[in-house]
């Protein structure tokens, strides 16, 4: 029987402390698989810049929060990081969140959740980072920055930094169920022995 043996790294804790390791794992695995494009979710641009600097031979696409996500007309990507990311040869994508947008407006105004956010909550069963890597793959495909027939490496995190990396087959938002999660490279996991020990105390 044909099979692919791949390693998944499970972090004991989520968060920024895993950023360097996550970027290294994503880079090494992308090279092993011959994946040219790496999507990186980044709010201030700090993680995106680190990825661009550590992966000079990959096509790095940094996906930011949409403008206005944290407040009217506010873009959280700093001007300094924008310049540095572009100088490092990476591209930037800023657009409506695939699993937010108008649906989020309905929730805020009418206090009822819509389909996009239910999908987001379901993906978060695997962790915040999994929800985000799926979302940025949809956004990049809709923007025409990645193809839907070519795998990409996608990197995201829980809050700041990065703690999740996955190999995905992107698709457009309108064909969401054609998206493929091909391989989990790393993610935080409550099943990690450190979590189990903490829970049983």
Protein backbone atom coordinates (compact mmCIF):
# COMPACT_ATOMS: atom_id res chain seq x y z
CA UNK A 1 0.00 0.00 0.00
CA UNK A 2 1.31 3.47 -0.89
CA UNK A 3 1.89 5.72 2.09
CA UNK A 4 3.62 8.92 3.09
CA UNK A 5 5.40 9.05 6.42
CA UNK A 6 5.46 12.57 7.84
CA UNK A 7 6.29 13.98 11.26
CA UNK A 8 3.95 16.29 13.15
CA UNK A 9 5.38 18.33 16.03
CA UNK A 10 2.98 19.05 18.89
CA UNK A 11 3.83 21.99 21.12
CA UNK A 12 3.04 21.82 24.83
CA UNK A 13 1.86 25.44 24.79
CA UNK A 14 0.45 27.74 22.16
CA UNK A 15 1.83 31.16 21.39
CA UNK A 16 4.69 33.32 20.28
CA UNK A 17 7.40 31.25 21.98
CA UNK A 18 7.01 28.68 19.19
CA UNK A 19 7.62 31.12 16.33
CA UNK A 20 11.24 30.32 15.49
CA UNK A 21 10.65 26.57 15.66
CA UNK A 22 7.47 26.81 13.59
CA UNK A 23 9.15 28.83 10.86
CA UNK A 24 12.08 26.43 10.77
CA UNK A 25 9.81 23.37 10.54
CA UNK A 26 7.74 25.01 7.81
CA UNK A 27 10.82 25.97 5.84
CA UNK A 28 12.50 22.57 6.06
CA UNK A 29 9.32 20.70 5.14
CA UNK A 30 8.53 23.04 2.24
CA UNK A 31 11.97 22.31 0.81
CA UNK A 32 11.58 18.56 1.33
CA UNK A 33 8.27 18.60 -0.54
CA UNK A 34 9.33 21.08 -3.20
CA UNK A 35 6.72 23.62 -2.13
CA UNK A 36 7.67 27.05 -3.42
CA UNK A 37 5.04 29.24 -1.73
CA UNK A 38 4.70 29.92 1.99
CA UNK A 39 1.71 31.87 3.31
CA UNK A 40 2.26 33.57 6.66
CA UNK A 41 -0.42 35.23 8.78
CA UNK A 42 0.97 38.35 10.45
CA UNK A 43 -0.69 41.19 12.35
CA UNK A 44 2.04 43.75 13.04
CA UNK A 45 4.28 42.21 10.38
CA UNK A 46 6.86 40.92 12.85
CA UNK A 47 6.26 37.24 12.06
CA UNK A 48 5.94 37.94 8.36
CA UNK A 49 9.29 39.71 8.34
CA UNK A 50 10.96 36.84 10.19
CA UNK A 51 9.57 34.40 7.63
CA UNK A 52 10.73 36.52 4.70
CA UNK A 53 14.23 36.75 6.18
CA UNK A 54 14.47 33.03 7.03
CA UNK A 55 13.08 31.77 3.72
CA UNK A 56 14.88 33.74 1.01
CA UNK A 57 14.44 30.97 -1.57
CA UNK A 58 10.67 30.61 -1.03
CA UNK A 59 7.89 32.84 -2.32
CA UNK A 60 6.65 34.27 0.97
CA UNK A 61 3.21 35.90 1.02
CA UNK A 62 2.40 37.75 4.23
CA UNK A 63 -1.35 37.95 4.94
CA UNK A 64 -2.37 40.77 7.26
CA UNK A 65 -5.50 41.64 9.16
CA UNK A 66 -7.98 43.60 7.09
CA UNK A 67 -7.91 47.35 7.62
CA UNK A 68 -10.50 48.24 10.26
CA UNK A 69 -10.30 44.85 12.00
CA UNK A 70 -9.35 46.45 15.35
CA UNK A 71 -10.90 49.86 14.75
CA UNK A 72 -12.05 52.24 12.03
CA UNK A 73 -9.37 52.78 9.36
CA UNK A 74 -6.74 51.06 11.53
CA UNK A 75 -4.16 48.89 9.80
CA UNK A 76 -2.12 46.92 12.34
CA UNK A 77 0.77 46.18 9.99
CA UNK A 78 3.41 48.76 10.91
CA UNK A 79 4.82 50.95 8.14
CA UNK A 80 8.34 49.88 9.14
CA UNK A 81 7.54 46.18 8.81
CA UNK A 82 5.75 46.76 5.51
CA UNK A 83 8.87 48.32 4.03
CA UNK A 84 11.15 45.64 5.50
CA UNK A 85 8.95 42.75 4.29
CA UNK A 86 8.87 44.10 0.75
CA UNK A 87 12.61 44.79 0.86
CA UNK A 88 13.14 41.14 1.83
CA UNK A 89 11.33 40.10 -1.34
CA UNK A 90 8.03 38.96 0.16
CA UNK A 91 4.57 40.05 -0.97
CA UNK A 92 1.73 41.39 1.17
CA UNK A 93 -1.98 40.61 1.03
CA UNK A 94 -4.56 42.72 2.86
CA UNK A 95 -8.22 41.96 2.18
CA UNK A 96 -11.49 40.91 3.80
CA UNK A 97 -11.15 37.87 6.04
CA UNK A 98 -12.59 34.83 4.30
CA UNK A 99 -14.39 33.68 7.47
CA UNK A 100 -15.50 37.12 8.67
CA UNK A 101 -16.57 40.21 6.80
CA UNK A 102 -20.30 40.86 6.40
CA UNK A 103 -21.17 37.80 8.48
CA UNK A 104 -19.31 39.33 11.42
CA UNK A 105 -21.27 42.55 10.96
CA UNK A 106 -24.52 40.57 11.28
CA UNK A 107 -23.27 38.95 14.49
CA UNK A 108 -22.23 42.29 16.00
CA UNK A 109 -25.44 44.05 15.02
CA UNK A 110 -28.03 41.32 15.56
CA UNK A 111 -26.22 39.13 18.10
CA UNK A 112 -26.51 35.98 16.00
CA UNK A 113 -23.77 33.90 14.43
CA UNK A 114 -23.65 33.29 10.69
CA UNK A 115 -22.33 30.38 8.64
CA UNK A 116 -18.79 31.72 8.11
CA UNK A 117 -18.18 32.10 11.82
CA UNK A 118 -19.65 28.67 12.57
CA UNK A 119 -17.10 27.24 10.13
CA UNK A 120 -14.40 29.23 11.95
CA UNK A 121 -15.44 27.86 15.35
CA UNK A 122 -15.42 24.32 13.94
CA UNK A 123 -11.89 24.71 12.58
CA UNK A 124 -10.78 26.05 15.98
CA UNK A 125 -11.48 22.58 17.40
CA UNK A 126 -8.02 21.83 16.00
CA UNK A 127 -6.62 25.13 17.27
CA UNK A 128 -6.72 28.80 16.35
CA UNK A 129 -3.81 28.35 13.97
CA UNK A 130 -5.65 25.75 11.88
CA UNK A 131 -8.56 28.13 11.41
CA UNK A 132 -6.17 30.85 10.28
CA UNK A 133 -4.10 28.74 7.86
CA UNK A 134 -7.32 27.66 6.14
CA UNK A 135 -8.55 31.24 6.03
CA UNK A 136 -5.38 32.73 4.55
CA UNK A 137 -5.28 30.01 1.89
CA UNK A 138 -8.80 31.03 0.81
CA UNK A 139 -7.84 34.70 0.83
CA UNK A 140 -4.68 34.14 -1.22
CA UNK A 141 -6.55 32.04 -3.77
CA UNK A 142 -9.29 34.67 -4.10
CA UNK A 143 -6.62 37.32 -4.65
CA UNK A 144 -5.01 35.22 -7.39
CA UNK A 145 -1.72 34.98 -5.50
CA UNK A 146 -1.73 31.15 -5.32
CA UNK A 147 -3.04 28.47 -7.61
CA UNK A 148 -5.69 25.97 -6.55
CA UNK A 149 -3.85 23.03 -8.10
CA UNK A 150 -0.53 23.55 -6.32
CA UNK A 151 0.12 22.89 -2.61
CA UNK A 152 1.35 25.66 -0.34
CA UNK A 153 2.81 25.80 3.15
CA UNK A 154 0.70 27.97 5.46
CA UNK A 155 1.85 29.36 8.81
CA UNK A 156 -0.25 31.00 11.53
CA UNK A 157 -0.48 31.30 15.28
CA UNK A 158 -2.54 31.72 18.40
CA UNK A 159 -2.50 35.43 19.11
CA UNK A 160 0.97 36.75 18.30
CA UNK A 161 3.73 34.84 16.57
CA UNK A 162 3.41 31.43 14.96
CA UNK A 163 2.70 27.97 16.36
CA UNK A 164 0.97 26.19 13.47
CA UNK A 165 2.12 25.10 10.01
CA UNK A 166 0.27 22.96 7.48
CA UNK A 167 0.50 21.89 3.87
CA UNK A 168 -2.68 22.89 2.09
CA UNK A 169 -4.23 22.67 -1.36
CA UNK A 170 -5.81 26.13 -1.65
CA UNK A 171 -9.20 26.85 -3.11
CA UNK A 172 -11.45 29.87 -3.52
CA UNK A 173 -13.90 30.82 -0.79
CA UNK A 174 -16.82 29.95 -3.07
CA UNK A 175 -15.46 26.38 -3.41
CA UNK A 176 -14.47 26.06 0.27
CA UNK A 177 -15.10 22.32 0.49
CA UNK A 178 -12.51 21.64 -2.20
CA UNK A 179 -9.74 22.88 0.09
CA UNK A 180 -7.36 20.13 1.17
CA UNK A 181 -5.47 19.94 4.46
CA UNK A 182 -2.71 17.66 3.21
CA UNK A 183 -0.30 17.58 6.14
CA UNK A 184 0.00 19.04 9.63
CA UNK A 185 3.60 20.06 10.23
CA UNK A 186 3.21 21.48 13.74
CA UNK A 187 0.56 22.79 16.10
CA UNK A 188 -0.12 23.19 19.82
CA UNK A 189 -2.07 20.30 21.28
CA UNK A 190 -3.97 19.78 24.55
CA UNK A 191 -3.20 16.07 24.09
CA UNK A 192 0.51 16.79 24.63
CA UNK A 193 1.80 15.00 27.78
CA UNK A 194 2.55 18.36 29.37
CA UNK A 195 -1.13 19.30 29.03
CA UNK A 196 -2.31 15.97 30.36
CA UNK A 197 -0.04 16.27 33.39
CA UNK A 198 -1.25 19.83 34.01
CA UNK A 199 -4.91 18.78 33.72
CA UNK A 200 -4.55 15.84 36.10
CA UNK A 201 -3.07 17.88 38.95
